[in-house]
Amino acid sequence: MLPDSNRRIRYARGYAELGLLREAARELAAVVGEDRETPDFLLARLQVAMERKQWKTVVTTGRRLAQLTPDLEVAWLHWAYALRELNRIKEAKAVLLEAEPLHGGKSATLHYNLACYHCLLGEMADARARLRVACELHPDFKQAAREDRDLEAMWPELSAG
């Protein structure tokens, strides 16, 4: 990676952490050539696009990053989340099911998001099972589920239990 690209990516991350998303995007836009395909660049681009709610960019960047570095859980989670925001729920579910062999044993968020996608698709038994696993891995998801609109169909049973 060119030193200038490395510096720009670092600056972009710093700007993003400060909420200066326009400046972060400007730094990333200045990265050229093959450096735009590195995991460092793609991760920075993914994070900025998430903050800016640029869902189509998140989908393409998350997909590419997951292909290059499948062990990077955030790539899969953001890719699926962006698909969900674009109302492409079945695709979001498919992404996380593909990621499950790599991350399912330790990722409460993966299971929680799958619970949401199953619920939105009316697959209630699967939604319950995924939510159970998510809450076993991270108990705070119990409260979050009671307020998450994606799980609204389950609210009565979540309030009872």
Protein backbone atom coordinates (compact mmCIF):
# COMPACT_ATOMS: atom_id res chain seq x y z
CA MET A 1 0.00 0.00 0.00
CA LEU A 2 1.24 3.46 -0.84
CA PRO A 3 2.22 5.58 2.19
CA ASP A 4 -0.19 8.31 1.06
CA SER A 5 -3.06 5.81 0.93
CA ASN A 6 -2.21 4.48 4.36
CA ARG A 7 -2.18 8.01 5.79
CA ARG A 8 -5.49 8.90 4.13
CA ILE A 9 -7.15 5.78 5.49
CA ARG A 10 -5.89 6.60 9.00
CA TYR A 11 -7.19 10.15 8.66
CA ALA A 12 -10.53 8.89 7.37
CA ARG A 13 -10.89 6.65 10.42
CA GLY A 14 -10.05 9.53 12.71
CA TYR A 15 -12.53 11.84 11.02
CA ALA A 16 -15.21 9.15 11.20
CA GLU A 17 -14.61 8.67 14.93
CA LEU A 18 -15.14 12.40 15.39
CA GLY A 19 -18.34 12.30 13.33
CA LEU A 20 -16.75 14.28 10.50
CA LEU A 21 -18.11 12.01 7.81
CA ARG A 22 -17.75 14.37 4.86
CA GLU A 23 -14.06 14.79 5.64
CA ALA A 24 -13.67 11.03 6.09
CA ALA A 25 -15.29 10.39 2.72
CA ARG A 26 -13.04 12.99 1.10
CA GLU A 27 -9.93 11.24 2.43
CA LEU A 28 -11.16 7.87 1.17
CA ALA A 29 -11.98 9.32 -2.25
CA ALA A 30 -8.33 10.33 -2.59
CA VAL A 31 -7.13 6.71 -2.26
CA VAL A 32 -6.39 5.37 -5.73
CA GLY A 33 -5.68 2.19 -7.63
CA GLU A 34 -5.18 -1.17 -6.00
CA ASP A 35 -5.15 0.42 -2.55
CA ARG A 36 -8.95 0.77 -2.88
CA GLU A 37 -9.20 -3.03 -2.73
CA THR A 38 -7.26 -3.53 0.50
CA PRO A 39 -9.09 -4.69 3.63
CA ASP A 40 -8.00 -1.52 5.48
CA PHE A 41 -9.55 0.73 2.84
CA LEU A 42 -12.70 -1.36 2.53
CA LEU A 43 -13.22 -1.44 6.30
CA ALA A 44 -12.86 2.33 6.56
CA ARG A 45 -15.23 2.80 3.61
CA LEU A 46 -17.71 0.39 5.18
CA GLN A 47 -17.68 2.26 8.49
CA VAL A 48 -18.16 5.66 6.85
CA ALA A 49 -20.94 4.36 4.60
CA MET A 50 -22.72 2.83 7.62
CA GLU A 51 -22.61 6.13 9.48
CA ARG A 52 -23.88 7.96 6.40
CA LYS A 53 -26.61 5.35 5.87
CA GLN A 54 -25.43 4.75 2.31
CA TRP A 55 -26.94 1.28 2.19
CA LYS A 56 -26.04 0.38 -1.39
CA THR A 57 -22.40 1.26 -0.73
CA VAL A 58 -22.51 -0.78 2.47
CA VAL A 59 -23.86 -3.77 0.53
CA THR A 60 -21.14 -3.69 -2.13
CA THR A 61 -18.32 -2.85 0.28
CA GLY A 62 -19.45 -5.32 2.93
CA ARG A 63 -19.73 -8.09 0.34
CA ARG A 64 -16.25 -7.39 -1.01
CA LEU A 65 -14.73 -7.18 2.46
CA ALA A 66 -16.40 -10.44 3.51
CA GLN A 67 -14.97 -12.11 0.41
CA LEU A 68 -11.46 -10.83 1.12
CA THR A 69 -11.50 -11.34 4.90
CA PRO A 70 -14.28 -13.78 5.82
CA ASP A 71 -13.04 -13.88 9.41
CA LEU A 72 -14.02 -10.21 9.84
CA GLU A 73 -17.48 -10.50 11.39
CA VAL A 74 -18.37 -6.83 11.00
CA ALA A 75 -18.23 -7.14 7.20
CA TRP A 76 -20.97 -9.78 7.25
CA LEU A 77 -23.08 -7.98 9.86
CA HIS A 78 -22.99 -4.62 8.07
CA TRP A 79 -23.62 -6.22 4.68
CA ALA A 80 -26.70 -8.00 6.02
CA TYR A 81 -27.91 -4.95 7.94
CA ALA A 82 -27.73 -2.80 4.82
CA LEU A 83 -29.75 -5.38 2.90
CA ARG A 84 -32.33 -5.27 5.70
CA GLU A 85 -32.45 -1.47 5.47
CA LEU A 86 -33.11 -1.86 1.74
CA ASN A 87 -35.98 -4.22 2.66
CA ARG A 88 -34.15 -7.20 1.15
CA ILE A 89 -34.79 -9.38 4.19
CA LYS A 90 -34.35 -12.79 2.53
CA GLU A 91 -30.97 -11.73 1.19
CA ALA A 92 -29.94 -10.38 4.60
CA LYS A 93 -30.85 -13.70 6.17
CA ALA A 94 -28.89 -15.60 3.50
CA VAL A 95 -25.78 -13.51 4.17
CA LEU A 96 -25.83 -14.28 7.88
CA LEU A 97 -26.55 -17.95 7.29
CA GLU A 98 -23.45 -18.02 5.09
CA ALA A 99 -21.46 -16.32 7.87
CA GLU A 100 -22.78 -18.62 10.59
CA PRO A 101 -20.16 -21.40 10.20
CA LEU A 102 -17.46 -18.78 10.74
CA HIS A 103 -19.04 -16.63 13.45
CA GLY A 104 -22.16 -18.34 14.80
CA GLY A 105 -20.46 -19.95 17.77
CA LYS A 106 -19.53 -16.65 19.38
CA SER A 107 -21.61 -13.91 17.78
CA ALA A 108 -24.70 -12.92 19.70
CA THR A 109 -25.34 -10.17 17.16
CA LEU A 110 -25.42 -12.63 14.28
CA HIS A 111 -28.09 -14.69 16.04
CA TYR A 112 -30.03 -11.61 17.16
CA ASN A 113 -30.11 -10.22 13.63
CA LEU A 114 -31.16 -13.61 12.28
CA ALA A 115 -33.98 -13.60 14.86
CA CYS A 116 -35.08 -10.24 13.48
CA TYR A 117 -34.96 -11.41 9.87
CA HIS A 118 -36.83 -14.64 10.65
CA CYS A 119 -39.46 -12.66 12.53
CA LEU A 120 -39.91 -10.19 9.67
CA LEU A 121 -40.37 -13.15 7.32
CA GLY A 122 -42.96 -14.75 9.61
CA GLU A 123 -40.66 -17.64 10.53
CA MET A 124 -41.51 -17.47 14.21
CA ALA A 125 -40.07 -20.79 15.42
CA ASP A 126 -36.71 -19.93 13.85
CA ALA A 127 -36.92 -16.40 15.27
CA ARG A 128 -37.48 -17.76 18.78
CA ALA A 129 -34.59 -20.21 18.48
CA ARG A 130 -32.20 -17.52 17.22
CA LEU A 131 -33.25 -15.07 19.91
CA ARG A 132 -32.72 -17.72 22.57
CA VAL A 133 -29.14 -18.30 21.37
CA ALA A 134 -28.46 -14.55 21.14
CA CYS A 135 -29.66 -14.03 24.71
CA GLU A 136 -27.58 -16.95 25.98
CA LEU A 137 -24.50 -15.36 24.43
CA HIS A 138 -25.40 -11.80 25.45
CA PRO A 139 -28.19 -11.40 28.05
CA ASP A 140 -28.70 -7.69 27.26
CA PHE A 141 -30.46 -8.70 24.06
CA LYS A 142 -33.51 -9.72 26.14
CA GLN A 143 -34.36 -6.09 26.84
CA ALA A 144 -33.40 -4.91 23.36
CA ALA A 145 -35.78 -7.46 21.83
CA ARG A 146 -38.70 -5.99 23.77
CA GLU A 147 -38.17 -2.67 21.98
CA ASP A 148 -36.95 -3.76 18.53
CA ARG A 149 -39.56 -3.11 15.83
CA ASP A 150 -38.18 -6.00 13.79
CA LEU A 151 -39.31 -8.30 16.60
CA GLU A 152 -42.66 -6.59 17.17
CA ALA A 153 -44.60 -9.76 16.31
CA MET A 154 -42.91 -11.39 19.31
CA TRP A 155 -43.47 -8.58 21.80
CA PRO A 156 -46.46 -10.19 23.58
CA GLU A 157 -44.52 -13.37 24.33
CA LEU A 158 -41.37 -11.42 25.22
CA SER A 159 -43.31 -9.30 27.71
CA ALA A 160 -44.83 -12.41 29.28
CA GLY A 161 -41.47 -14.13 29.69
